[in-house]
């Protein structure tokens, strides 16, 4: 789940053609935290944090248990 959330954020950064500092300003995190996301160092993030970051991109996170 962490990987999928981080990938959504990384794709958003690429689609918006944002520099890491620009993304950090929008996501309200430090630039090194954005670097961690882009490099898929997801172990450094809780699921809650990643959900919050995805929400800050304007996307909605839905959890479905099958």
N, C-alpha and C. Protein backbone atom coordinates (compact mmCIF):
# COMPACT_ATOMS: atom_id res chain seq x y z
N UNK A 1 0.81 -1.18 0.00
CA UNK A 1 0.00 0.00 0.00
C UNK A 1 0.87 1.26 0.00
N UNK A 2 1.93 1.25 0.80
CA UNK A 2 2.83 2.41 0.83
C UNK A 2 3.39 2.70 -0.55
N UNK A 3 3.79 1.64 -1.24
CA UNK A 3 4.39 1.82 -2.57
C UNK A 3 3.40 2.46 -3.54
N UNK A 4 2.15 2.02 -3.48
CA UNK A 4 1.14 2.58 -4.38
C UNK A 4 0.88 4.05 -4.08
N UNK A 5 0.81 4.40 -2.82
CA UNK A 5 0.59 5.79 -2.44
C UNK A 5 1.76 6.67 -2.87
N UNK A 6 2.97 6.19 -2.61
CA UNK A 6 4.16 6.95 -3.01
C UNK A 6 4.23 7.11 -4.52
N UNK A 7 3.85 6.08 -5.23
CA UNK A 7 3.86 6.15 -6.70
C UNK A 7 2.87 7.20 -7.20
N UNK A 8 1.71 7.29 -6.57
CA UNK A 8 0.73 8.32 -6.95
C UNK A 8 1.32 9.71 -6.79
N UNK A 9 2.04 9.92 -5.71
CA UNK A 9 2.66 11.22 -5.47
C UNK A 9 3.76 11.48 -6.49
N UNK A 10 4.60 10.48 -6.74
CA UNK A 10 5.69 10.63 -7.71
C UNK A 10 5.15 10.93 -9.11
N UNK A 11 4.08 10.26 -9.49
CA UNK A 11 3.47 10.50 -10.80
C UNK A 11 2.90 11.92 -10.86
N UNK A 12 2.27 12.34 -9.78
CA UNK A 12 1.72 13.70 -9.71
C UNK A 12 2.82 14.73 -9.91
N UNK A 13 3.96 14.53 -9.25
CA UNK A 13 5.09 15.46 -9.38
C UNK A 13 5.56 15.52 -10.82
N UNK A 14 5.66 14.35 -11.45
CA UNK A 14 6.12 14.29 -12.85
C UNK A 14 5.10 14.93 -13.79
N UNK A 15 3.82 14.62 -13.61
CA UNK A 15 2.77 15.16 -14.48
C UNK A 15 2.70 16.68 -14.39
N UNK A 16 2.90 17.22 -13.20
CA UNK A 16 2.86 18.67 -13.00
C UNK A 16 4.19 19.33 -13.34
N UNK A 17 5.20 18.52 -13.67
CA UNK A 17 6.54 19.00 -14.01
C UNK A 17 7.09 19.91 -12.91
N UNK A 18 6.95 19.41 -11.66
CA UNK A 18 7.39 20.19 -10.50
C UNK A 18 8.83 19.85 -10.12
N UNK A 19 9.53 20.85 -9.67
CA UNK A 19 10.83 20.61 -9.05
C UNK A 19 10.54 20.10 -7.64
N UNK A 20 11.50 19.42 -7.05
CA UNK A 20 11.27 18.86 -5.73
C UNK A 20 10.91 19.92 -4.71
N UNK A 21 11.53 21.08 -4.75
CA UNK A 21 11.21 22.13 -3.79
C UNK A 21 9.79 22.65 -4.00
N UNK A 22 9.37 22.76 -5.26
CA UNK A 22 7.99 23.20 -5.53
C UNK A 22 6.99 22.19 -4.98
N UNK A 23 7.27 20.92 -5.18
CA UNK A 23 6.39 19.87 -4.65
C UNK A 23 6.38 19.91 -3.13
N UNK A 24 7.54 20.12 -2.54
CA UNK A 24 7.64 20.19 -1.08
C UNK A 24 6.80 21.33 -0.53
N UNK A 25 6.84 22.47 -1.19
CA UNK A 25 6.05 23.62 -0.76
C UNK A 25 4.55 23.32 -0.81
N UNK A 26 4.11 22.65 -1.86
CA UNK A 26 2.70 22.30 -2.01
C UNK A 26 2.29 21.23 -1.00
N UNK A 27 3.15 20.25 -0.80
CA UNK A 27 2.83 19.14 0.09
C UNK A 27 3.10 19.46 1.57
N UNK A 28 3.72 20.61 1.81
CA UNK A 28 4.03 21.05 3.18
C UNK A 28 5.00 20.11 3.90
N UNK A 29 6.00 19.67 3.16
CA UNK A 29 7.07 18.83 3.71
C UNK A 29 8.40 19.39 3.23
N UNK A 30 9.49 18.85 3.75
CA UNK A 30 10.81 19.29 3.31
C UNK A 30 11.16 18.68 1.95
N UNK A 31 12.12 19.31 1.27
CA UNK A 31 12.55 18.78 -0.02
C UNK A 31 13.15 17.39 0.11
N UNK A 32 13.92 17.09 1.16
CA UNK A 32 14.43 15.73 1.31
C UNK A 32 13.31 14.68 1.44
N UNK A 33 12.19 15.06 2.04
CA UNK A 33 11.06 14.12 2.14
C UNK A 33 10.50 13.83 0.75
N UNK A 34 10.44 14.84 -0.10
CA UNK A 34 9.98 14.63 -1.48
C UNK A 34 10.97 13.72 -2.20
N UNK A 35 12.25 13.94 -1.99
CA UNK A 35 13.27 13.09 -2.60
C UNK A 35 13.08 11.64 -2.19
N UNK A 36 12.78 11.41 -0.92
CA UNK A 36 12.53 10.04 -0.45
C UNK A 36 11.35 9.41 -1.20
N UNK A 37 10.31 10.18 -1.43
CA UNK A 37 9.14 9.66 -2.15
C UNK A 37 9.52 9.32 -3.58
N UNK A 38 10.19 10.24 -4.24
CA UNK A 38 10.58 10.03 -5.64
C UNK A 38 11.50 8.82 -5.78
N UNK A 39 12.33 8.59 -4.78
CA UNK A 39 13.26 7.44 -4.81
C UNK A 39 12.65 6.18 -4.21
N UNK A 40 11.36 6.25 -3.91
CA UNK A 40 10.60 5.10 -3.39
C UNK A 40 11.16 4.56 -2.08
N UNK A 41 11.62 5.45 -1.23
CA UNK A 41 12.06 5.05 0.11
C UNK A 41 10.86 5.14 1.05
N UNK A 42 9.90 4.27 0.81
CA UNK A 42 8.60 4.36 1.47
C UNK A 42 8.63 3.88 2.92
N UNK A 43 9.64 3.14 3.31
CA UNK A 43 9.71 2.67 4.69
C UNK A 43 9.82 3.83 5.67
N UNK A 44 10.23 4.98 5.18
CA UNK A 44 10.39 6.17 6.03
C UNK A 44 9.06 6.87 6.32
N UNK A 45 7.98 6.40 5.69
CA UNK A 45 6.69 7.06 5.81
C UNK A 45 5.64 6.12 6.38
N UNK A 46 4.77 6.67 7.22
CA UNK A 46 3.62 5.89 7.67
C UNK A 46 2.55 5.96 6.57
N UNK A 47 1.65 5.03 6.61
CA UNK A 47 0.55 5.05 5.64
C UNK A 47 -0.28 6.32 5.82
N UNK A 48 -0.50 6.72 7.06
CA UNK A 48 -1.26 7.95 7.33
C UNK A 48 -0.61 9.16 6.68
N UNK A 49 0.70 9.26 6.79
CA UNK A 49 1.41 10.38 6.19
C UNK A 49 1.26 10.38 4.68
N UNK A 50 1.42 9.22 4.07
CA UNK A 50 1.29 9.13 2.62
C UNK A 50 -0.12 9.45 2.17
N UNK A 51 -1.12 9.01 2.92
CA UNK A 51 -2.51 9.35 2.58
C UNK A 51 -2.70 10.86 2.64
N UNK A 52 -2.18 11.50 3.68
CA UNK A 52 -2.28 12.96 3.78
C UNK A 52 -1.60 13.64 2.60
N UNK A 53 -0.45 13.15 2.21
CA UNK A 53 0.27 13.75 1.08
C UNK A 53 -0.50 13.57 -0.23
N UNK A 54 -1.06 12.40 -0.43
CA UNK A 54 -1.87 12.17 -1.63
C UNK A 54 -3.06 13.13 -1.64
N UNK A 55 -3.69 13.31 -0.50
CA UNK A 55 -4.82 14.25 -0.42
C UNK A 55 -4.40 15.67 -0.76
N UNK A 56 -3.18 16.04 -0.38
CA UNK A 56 -2.69 17.38 -0.69
C UNK A 56 -2.44 17.58 -2.18
N UNK A 57 -2.34 16.50 -2.93
CA UNK A 57 -2.21 16.61 -4.38
C UNK A 57 -3.56 16.86 -5.05
N UNK A 58 -4.63 16.75 -4.27
CA UNK A 58 -5.97 16.93 -4.82
C UNK A 58 -6.67 15.63 -5.14
N UNK A 59 -5.97 14.53 -4.91
CA UNK A 59 -6.55 13.22 -5.17
C UNK A 59 -7.21 12.69 -3.90
N UNK A 60 -8.09 11.72 -4.08
CA UNK A 60 -8.79 11.09 -2.97
C UNK A 60 -8.29 9.66 -2.82
N UNK A 61 -8.12 9.24 -1.58
CA UNK A 61 -7.69 7.87 -1.30
C UNK A 61 -8.89 7.10 -0.79
N UNK A 62 -9.13 5.94 -1.40
CA UNK A 62 -10.21 5.07 -0.99
C UNK A 62 -9.64 3.71 -0.68
N UNK A 63 -10.00 3.17 0.47
CA UNK A 63 -9.54 1.85 0.87
C UNK A 63 -10.67 0.87 0.64
N UNK A 64 -10.35 -0.22 -0.02
CA UNK A 64 -11.35 -1.23 -0.30
C UNK A 64 -10.82 -2.58 0.18
N UNK A 65 -11.58 -3.24 1.00
CA UNK A 65 -11.23 -4.56 1.50
C UNK A 65 -12.09 -5.56 0.74
N UNK A 66 -11.43 -6.53 0.14
CA UNK A 66 -12.17 -7.50 -0.66
C UNK A 66 -12.19 -8.86 0.03
